[in-house]
Amino acid sequence: MTAENTPDQPEGVLLDEPTTADLRAKVTEAWREFASSLALLLPTLSAGAHVDLTLDPTASGTGTAVYSVSIRVLPDGVIEALAVGNAALPEGFRMDRASVADLVALGWSPPGVLAGSGDSFGLRTTIDAAKQLATIVSRTLRDVYGAPHPAFLVYLVHDEDEEPIETAPLATARHEPSIDRELSLDDLDEDGVLSEALATAADEVVPLEERVRTVVATMSKTTVDQLQVDTDGDIGIRAGSAMVFVRVRDNPPLVDVFSPILTEVEPTEQLYVKLSELTNRMPIGRLYCAQDTVWASIPVFGRNFQATHLMLAVQVMTGLADELDDRLHGEFGGKRFFGEGDKPAPAKSAPADGDDHRTGMYL
């Protein structure tokens, strides 16, 4: 997610034409920049420092499966890395034999081989080989764990006491900030825009769900008690003909900002191609089709939660959902959430009355 993605410019997230003629080359270059940044970072860290890299489960659609690599700097210039193994992954998200073979081919030792690795794949090298290690880690996250772009990664650099260490950014990977505070109405100006007060941190710690509801209430210029919350605990926000939901997940701690763009849509090859094209133009988040519903999702990492990240995600999603449901409905039919009279499919023989006139309020 970038600062340019403001609610006044949702079309900037999805361009009608690709911004580059060679998306694959652009993604490859992003991974090179990530590996280079990691290689430069490692020699600057003191013994005891950790670098935790995680493929964001919400952005990647892996749910409870958390693919991660942890790097630890040991005394005497030694670096140890651990990569998640199948024992820590839920059924359905575990690696097959080919993927395990790929990890071993990259240089990882199977779980338990490296002393102290437990259920994780292990690798030990020296600080002089930081560039090689960074390449291995990059290829592991990209080729084995399936991260489509470094922007889908979140990272945290900390010491043995879990205290954050300030470092240069790791290319387009997203830093897990260590400082946050509760948001208030004073943080918004008269137009509902973030004020400079958000740059100042407070020490108060409150539950993630409470913090999320405070942020959404602040953006909606209402109170927490007046928020629209369904039986699943999801907060609903209307955005034109679309509906945006904010859901808090506990394990791992994540906040999912999502929207059912269309329902009762026919999942055709053309639809999948279109969703893939649009997702590739999004700096973060994704579009996908599950059964007969098209979804949009933008994640916010819950650990060391930052109110500004959630506010930006909500701002982008509300503009994006209202734009996309109209665009995709015109091309593929289906029903928008608040689309009165929407047909379930663009077929000429669809009846003009009866049950087909109900709205998309299906949840």
Protein backbone atom coordinates (compact mmCIF):
# COMPACT_ATOMS: atom_id res chain seq x y z
CA MET A 1 0.00 0.00 0.00
CA THR A 2 1.40 3.36 -0.91
CA ALA A 3 0.73 6.88 0.21
CA GLU A 4 -0.63 7.73 -3.23
CA ASN A 5 -3.63 5.43 -2.76
CA THR A 6 -6.03 7.98 -1.28
CA PRO A 7 -9.82 7.73 -1.18
CA ASP A 8 -10.06 10.60 -3.64
CA GLN A 9 -8.05 8.64 -6.18
CA PRO A 10 -9.16 4.99 -6.02
CA GLU A 11 -8.68 4.63 -9.73
CA GLY A 12 -4.96 4.97 -9.13
CA VAL A 13 -4.96 1.49 -7.66
CA LEU A 14 -6.31 -0.20 -10.77
CA LEU A 15 -5.19 1.28 -14.05
CA ASP A 16 -7.01 0.72 -17.31
CA GLU A 17 -3.64 0.09 -18.93
CA PRO A 18 -0.60 -1.63 -17.37
CA THR A 19 2.00 0.81 -16.08
CA THR A 20 4.73 -1.35 -17.49
CA ALA A 21 5.00 -3.44 -20.63
CA ASP A 22 6.83 -6.19 -18.75
CA LEU A 23 5.26 -6.89 -15.37
CA ARG A 24 7.38 -10.01 -14.87
CA ALA A 25 10.58 -8.00 -15.23
CA LYS A 26 9.27 -5.43 -12.77
CA VAL A 27 8.48 -8.10 -10.17
CA THR A 28 11.86 -9.75 -10.69
CA GLU A 29 13.60 -6.44 -10.12
CA ALA A 30 11.59 -5.93 -6.92
CA TRP A 31 12.86 -9.25 -5.59
CA ARG A 32 16.42 -8.32 -6.51
CA GLU A 33 16.07 -5.07 -4.59
CA PHE A 34 14.68 -6.96 -1.60
CA ALA A 35 17.56 -9.46 -1.59
CA SER A 36 20.09 -6.65 -1.98
CA SER A 37 18.56 -4.70 0.92
CA LEU A 38 18.61 -7.80 3.14
CA ALA A 39 22.24 -8.52 2.20
CA LEU A 40 23.23 -4.97 3.16
CA LEU A 41 21.28 -5.13 6.44
CA LEU A 42 22.68 -8.36 7.89
CA PRO A 43 26.33 -7.23 8.32
CA THR A 44 25.14 -4.15 10.24
CA LEU A 45 23.40 -6.18 12.95
CA SER A 46 24.98 -7.10 16.26
CA ALA A 47 24.94 -10.55 17.83
CA GLY A 48 21.48 -11.36 19.18
CA ALA A 49 19.58 -9.47 16.48
CA HIS A 50 16.72 -11.17 14.66
CA VAL A 51 15.08 -10.51 11.29
CA ASP A 52 11.61 -12.06 11.01
CA LEU A 53 10.09 -12.23 7.50
CA THR A 54 6.48 -13.34 6.99
CA LEU A 55 4.26 -13.78 3.96
CA ASP A 56 1.14 -11.85 4.96
CA PRO A 57 -1.59 -14.54 5.24
CA THR A 58 -4.45 -12.19 4.43
CA ALA A 59 -2.84 -10.70 1.34
CA SER A 60 -1.76 -14.08 0.02
CA GLY A 61 -4.99 -15.89 0.86
CA THR A 62 -3.26 -18.52 3.02
CA GLY A 63 -5.53 -17.98 6.03
CA THR A 64 -4.05 -19.67 9.10
CA ALA A 65 -0.97 -20.84 7.20
CA VAL A 66 1.94 -18.56 8.09
CA TYR A 67 4.98 -18.95 5.84
CA SER A 68 7.96 -17.32 7.49
CA VAL A 69 11.74 -17.18 7.69
CA SER A 70 13.60 -16.05 10.79
CA ILE A 71 17.25 -14.98 10.70
CA ARG A 72 19.36 -14.72 13.84
CA VAL A 73 22.83 -13.17 14.18
CA LEU A 74 25.08 -15.26 16.44
CA PRO A 75 28.47 -14.37 17.98
CA ASP A 76 31.68 -14.61 15.95
CA GLY A 77 30.07 -13.59 12.66
CA VAL A 78 27.74 -16.59 12.39
CA ILE A 79 24.20 -16.28 10.99
CA GLU A 80 21.46 -18.86 11.51
CA ALA A 81 18.19 -18.99 9.59
CA LEU A 82 15.05 -21.06 10.14
CA ALA A 83 12.30 -21.60 7.55
CA VAL A 84 8.87 -22.89 8.48
CA GLY A 85 8.28 -26.59 7.89
CA ASN A 86 5.16 -28.67 7.35
CA ALA A 87 4.71 -29.40 11.06
CA ALA A 88 3.78 -25.75 11.60
CA LEU A 89 1.46 -25.54 8.58
CA PRO A 90 -2.21 -26.58 8.54
CA GLU A 91 -3.38 -29.40 6.32
CA GLY A 92 -4.00 -28.21 2.81
CA PHE A 93 -1.15 -25.69 2.97
CA ARG A 94 1.74 -28.07 3.56
CA MET A 95 4.54 -28.35 1.06
CA ASP A 96 4.67 -31.28 -1.32
CA ARG A 97 7.78 -33.35 -1.95
CA ALA A 98 8.86 -31.13 -4.83
CA SER A 99 8.77 -28.03 -2.64
CA VAL A 100 10.69 -29.77 0.14
CA ALA A 101 13.26 -30.85 -2.44
CA ASP A 102 13.51 -27.25 -3.64
CA LEU A 103 14.27 -26.09 -0.09
CA VAL A 104 17.02 -28.66 0.28
CA ALA A 105 18.41 -27.71 -3.13
CA LEU A 106 18.57 -24.08 -2.01
CA GLY A 107 20.76 -25.10 0.92
CA TRP A 108 18.30 -25.68 3.77
CA SER A 109 18.82 -28.66 6.06
CA PRO A 110 15.68 -30.72 6.81
CA PRO A 111 13.92 -30.15 10.14
CA GLY A 112 15.90 -31.38 13.11
CA VAL A 113 19.22 -31.74 11.26
CA LEU A 114 20.60 -28.37 12.36
CA ALA A 115 20.88 -28.29 16.15
CA GLY A 116 17.99 -26.37 17.66
CA SER A 117 16.00 -26.13 14.41
CA GLY A 118 13.12 -28.22 15.76
CA ASP A 119 10.37 -28.54 13.14
CA SER A 120 11.89 -25.89 10.88
CA PHE A 121 14.35 -26.11 8.02
CA GLY A 122 17.71 -24.77 9.13
CA LEU A 123 20.69 -23.04 7.58
CA ARG A 124 23.88 -21.73 9.17
CA THR A 125 26.50 -19.58 7.46
CA THR A 126 28.77 -16.61 8.12
CA ILE A 127 28.31 -12.88 7.80
CA ASP A 128 30.67 -12.93 4.83
CA ALA A 129 28.05 -14.95 2.94
CA ALA A 130 25.24 -12.49 3.68
CA LYS A 131 24.60 -11.90 -0.02
CA GLN A 132 24.22 -15.61 -0.71
CA LEU A 133 21.95 -16.05 2.31
CA ALA A 134 19.78 -13.14 1.23
CA THR A 135 19.36 -14.74 -2.19
CA ILE A 136 18.38 -18.07 -0.61
CA VAL A 137 15.84 -16.40 1.66
CA SER A 138 14.42 -14.39 -1.22
CA ARG A 139 14.02 -17.46 -3.43
CA THR A 140 12.50 -19.42 -0.54
CA LEU A 141 9.82 -16.80 0.04
CA ARG A 142 9.16 -16.30 -3.66
CA ASP A 143 9.59 -19.72 -5.29
CA VAL A 144 8.72 -22.12 -2.46
CA TYR A 145 6.32 -20.21 -0.21
CA GLY A 146 4.69 -18.43 -3.13
CA ALA A 147 5.03 -14.74 -2.23
CA PRO A 148 4.04 -12.95 -5.47
CA HIS A 149 5.95 -9.75 -4.65
CA PRO A 150 8.08 -8.41 -1.74
CA ALA A 151 5.20 -6.02 -0.96
CA PHE A 152 3.33 -9.09 0.34
CA LEU A 153 6.01 -9.53 3.03
CA VAL A 154 6.05 -8.02 6.50
CA TYR A 155 9.22 -7.90 8.56
CA LEU A 156 10.44 -7.03 12.02
CA VAL A 157 14.02 -6.50 13.18
CA HIS A 158 14.47 -6.90 16.93
CA ASP A 159 16.92 -7.93 19.64
CA GLU A 160 16.78 -10.91 21.99
CA ASP A 161 14.40 -9.04 24.29
CA GLU A 162 11.94 -8.41 21.43
CA GLU A 163 12.89 -4.73 21.42
CA PRO A 164 12.69 -3.27 17.87
CA ILE A 165 15.87 -2.26 16.06
CA GLU A 166 15.69 0.71 13.70
CA THR A 167 17.01 -0.18 10.24
CA ALA A 168 16.83 0.94 6.66
CA PRO A 169 13.75 -0.36 4.77
CA LEU A 170 13.88 -3.79 3.13
CA ALA A 171 12.86 -2.56 -0.32
CA THR A 172 9.06 -2.82 -0.72
CA ALA A 173 8.52 -5.27 2.17
CA ARG A 174 6.35 -3.75 4.90
CA HIS A 175 7.85 -3.02 8.27
CA GLU A 176 5.98 -4.08 11.40
CA PRO A 177 6.08 -0.80 13.35
CA SER A 178 6.71 -1.03 17.07
CA ILE A 179 4.93 2.14 18.19
CA ASP A 180 1.20 2.73 18.09
CA ARG A 181 -1.48 4.47 20.01
CA GLU A 182 -5.23 4.82 20.27
CA LEU A 183 -6.85 7.09 17.72
CA SER A 184 -9.23 9.91 18.60
CA LEU A 185 -11.39 12.33 16.65
CA ASP A 186 -8.73 14.97 17.21
CA ASP A 187 -6.54 13.07 14.73
CA LEU A 188 -8.77 14.07 11.82
CA ASP A 189 -9.27 17.49 10.32
CA GLU A 190 -12.67 18.78 9.21
CA ASP A 191 -12.43 16.76 6.01
CA GLY A 192 -11.68 13.52 7.84
CA VAL A 193 -8.02 13.52 6.76
CA LEU A 194 -5.23 12.28 9.02
CA SER A 195 -3.57 15.01 11.02
CA GLU A 196 0.05 15.30 12.05
CA ALA A 197 -0.94 14.16 15.56
CA LEU A 198 -0.64 10.56 14.37
CA ALA A 199 3.11 10.97 14.21
CA THR A 200 3.20 11.12 18.02
CA ALA A 201 3.01 7.78 19.86
CA ALA A 202 1.43 6.91 23.18
CA ASP A 203 2.19 4.00 25.45
CA GLU A 204 -1.36 2.82 26.13
CA VAL A 205 -2.00 -0.77 25.06
CA VAL A 206 -5.56 -1.94 24.35
CA PRO A 207 -6.96 -5.11 22.69
CA LEU A 208 -6.70 -5.23 18.91
CA GLU A 209 -10.47 -5.51 18.38
CA GLU A 210 -11.07 -2.43 20.51
CA ARG A 211 -8.42 -0.45 18.66
CA VAL A 212 -9.89 -1.44 15.30
CA ARG A 213 -13.40 -0.38 16.30
CA THR A 214 -12.04 2.94 17.57
CA VAL A 215 -10.34 3.60 14.22
CA VAL A 216 -13.42 2.73 12.16
CA ALA A 217 -15.69 4.79 14.42
CA THR A 218 -13.30 7.73 14.14
CA MET A 219 -13.28 7.53 10.35
CA SER A 220 -17.09 7.25 10.29
CA LYS A 221 -17.40 10.19 12.68
CA THR A 222 -19.56 8.14 15.03
CA THR A 223 -19.17 6.21 18.28
CA VAL A 224 -18.06 2.61 18.75
CA ASP A 225 -21.53 1.68 20.03
CA GLN A 226 -23.15 2.96 16.83
CA LEU A 227 -21.01 0.92 14.45
CA GLN A 228 -22.79 -1.60 12.23
CA VAL A 229 -21.52 -4.96 13.51
CA ASP A 230 -22.96 -8.29 12.31
CA THR A 231 -23.27 -11.57 14.19
CA ASP A 232 -19.75 -12.59 13.13
CA GLY A 233 -18.32 -9.44 14.68
CA ASP A 234 -17.53 -7.89 11.28
CA ILE A 235 -17.86 -4.12 11.05
CA GLY A 236 -19.84 -3.01 7.98
CA ILE A 237 -19.21 0.20 6.05
CA ARG A 238 -21.39 1.16 3.09
CA ALA A 239 -19.53 2.52 0.06
CA GLY A 240 -22.04 3.49 -2.61
CA SER A 241 -23.41 0.29 -4.11
CA ALA A 242 -20.74 -1.78 -2.32
CA MET A 243 -20.26 -2.96 1.27
CA VAL A 244 -16.90 -3.08 3.01
CA PHE A 245 -16.27 -5.24 6.06
CA VAL A 246 -13.53 -5.04 8.67
CA ARG A 247 -12.75 -8.31 10.43
CA VAL A 248 -10.29 -8.93 13.27
CA ARG A 249 -8.49 -12.29 13.29
CA ASP A 250 -6.78 -13.57 16.41
CA ASN A 251 -4.30 -16.20 15.24
CA PRO A 252 -2.28 -14.78 13.67
CA PRO A 253 -3.34 -11.24 14.65
CA LEU A 254 -4.64 -9.72 11.43
CA VAL A 255 -7.21 -7.18 10.33
CA ASP A 256 -8.87 -8.02 7.02
CA VAL A 257 -10.55 -5.18 5.13
CA PHE A 258 -12.66 -6.93 2.49
CA SER A 259 -15.66 -6.52 0.24
CA PRO A 260 -17.96 -8.91 -1.66
CA ILE A 261 -17.74 -7.06 -4.96
CA LEU A 262 -20.27 -9.22 -6.82
CA THR A 263 -22.39 -12.24 -5.96
CA GLU A 264 -24.21 -14.72 -8.18
CA VAL A 265 -21.64 -14.17 -10.91
CA GLU A 266 -20.66 -16.95 -13.30
CA PRO A 267 -17.00 -17.93 -12.71
CA THR A 268 -15.75 -17.96 -16.30
CA GLU A 269 -12.20 -18.05 -17.63
CA GLN A 270 -12.61 -14.44 -18.75
CA LEU A 271 -13.51 -13.42 -15.18
CA TYR A 272 -10.46 -15.13 -13.70
CA VAL A 273 -8.21 -13.49 -16.28
CA LYS A 274 -9.69 -10.08 -15.48
CA LEU A 275 -9.27 -10.54 -11.72
CA SER A 276 -5.69 -11.66 -12.21
CA GLU A 277 -4.90 -8.60 -14.34
CA LEU A 278 -6.44 -6.24 -11.80
CA THR A 279 -4.69 -7.91 -8.85
CA ASN A 280 -1.34 -7.61 -10.59
CA ARG A 281 -1.86 -3.83 -10.74
CA MET A 282 -2.65 -3.56 -7.04
CA PRO A 283 0.35 -2.73 -4.83
CA ILE A 284 -1.17 -4.81 -2.02
CA GLY A 285 -4.25 -6.94 -1.51
CA ARG A 286 -6.02 -9.13 -4.03
CA LEU A 287 -9.16 -9.89 -6.01
CA TYR A 288 -10.45 -13.43 -6.25
CA CYS A 289 -13.55 -15.48 -7.00
CA ALA A 290 -14.85 -18.05 -4.50
CA GLN A 291 -17.78 -20.10 -5.82
CA ASP A 292 -20.06 -17.41 -7.29
CA THR A 293 -18.73 -14.38 -5.42
CA VAL A 294 -15.97 -11.93 -6.34
CA TRP A 295 -14.06 -10.65 -3.31
CA ALA A 296 -11.56 -7.85 -2.75
CA SER A 297 -9.26 -7.95 0.28
CA ILE A 298 -6.61 -5.66 1.74
CA PRO A 299 -4.75 -6.87 4.86
CA VAL A 300 -3.42 -4.99 7.84
CA PHE A 301 -0.97 -6.85 10.04
CA GLY A 302 -2.27 -6.97 13.61
CA ARG A 303 0.96 -7.40 15.49
CA ASN A 304 2.16 -3.97 16.67
CA PHE A 305 -0.98 -2.56 15.08
CA GLN A 306 -0.82 0.86 13.42
CA ALA A 307 -4.01 2.90 13.16
CA THR A 308 -2.71 4.72 10.07
CA HIS A 309 -2.37 1.44 8.17
CA LEU A 310 -5.97 0.46 8.86
CA MET A 311 -7.25 3.92 7.95
CA LEU A 312 -5.45 3.80 4.61
CA ALA A 313 -6.75 0.27 3.91
CA VAL A 314 -10.34 1.32 4.65
CA GLN A 315 -10.00 4.49 2.58
CA VAL A 316 -8.64 2.59 -0.41
CA MET A 317 -11.13 -0.29 -0.14
CA THR A 318 -14.23 1.91 0.12
CA GLY A 319 -13.27 3.76 -3.05
CA LEU A 320 -12.08 0.63 -4.81
CA ALA A 321 -15.14 -1.50 -4.03
CA ASP A 322 -17.62 1.12 -5.21
CA GLU A 323 -15.67 1.54 -8.44
CA LEU A 324 -15.07 -2.14 -9.10
CA ASP A 325 -18.56 -3.50 -8.48
CA ASP A 326 -19.93 -1.19 -11.18
CA ARG A 327 -17.11 -1.96 -13.61
CA LEU A 328 -17.25 -5.74 -13.18
CA HIS A 329 -21.05 -5.85 -13.05
CA GLY A 330 -21.21 -4.12 -16.41
CA GLU A 331 -18.87 -6.70 -17.91
CA PHE A 332 -19.81 -9.93 -16.12
CA GLY A 333 -23.26 -9.37 -14.62
CA GLY A 334 -23.96 -10.71 -11.15
CA LYS A 335 -25.33 -8.70 -8.23
CA ARG A 336 -23.86 -5.78 -6.38
CA PHE A 337 -24.39 -5.62 -2.64
CA PHE A 338 -26.81 -2.71 -2.89
CA GLY A 339 -27.62 -3.17 -6.56
CA GLU A 340 -31.41 -3.06 -6.81
CA GLY A 341 -32.61 -5.02 -9.83
CA ASP A 342 -29.21 -6.51 -10.68
CA LYS A 343 -29.47 -9.68 -12.72
CA PRO A 344 -27.57 -12.76 -11.49
CA ALA A 345 -25.89 -13.20 -14.88
CA PRO A 346 -25.64 -11.26 -18.15
CA ALA A 347 -27.72 -13.87 -20.01
CA LYS A 348 -30.37 -12.53 -22.39
CA SER A 349 -32.89 -15.09 -21.19
CA ALA A 350 -32.71 -14.00 -17.54
CA PRO A 351 -36.19 -13.25 -16.13
CA ALA A 352 -37.04 -9.62 -15.54
CA ASP A 353 -38.95 -10.12 -12.31
CA GLY A 354 -39.37 -12.52 -9.41
CA ASP A 355 -36.54 -13.56 -7.10
CA ASP A 356 -33.95 -12.02 -9.39
CA HIS A 357 -34.86 -8.58 -8.10
CA ARG A 358 -33.55 -9.14 -4.59
CA THR A 359 -30.43 -7.24 -3.59
CA GLY A 360 -26.99 -8.61 -2.96
CA MET A 361 -27.49 -8.62 0.84
CA TYR A 362 -26.69 -12.30 1.08
CA LEU A 363 -24.34 -12.56 4.05
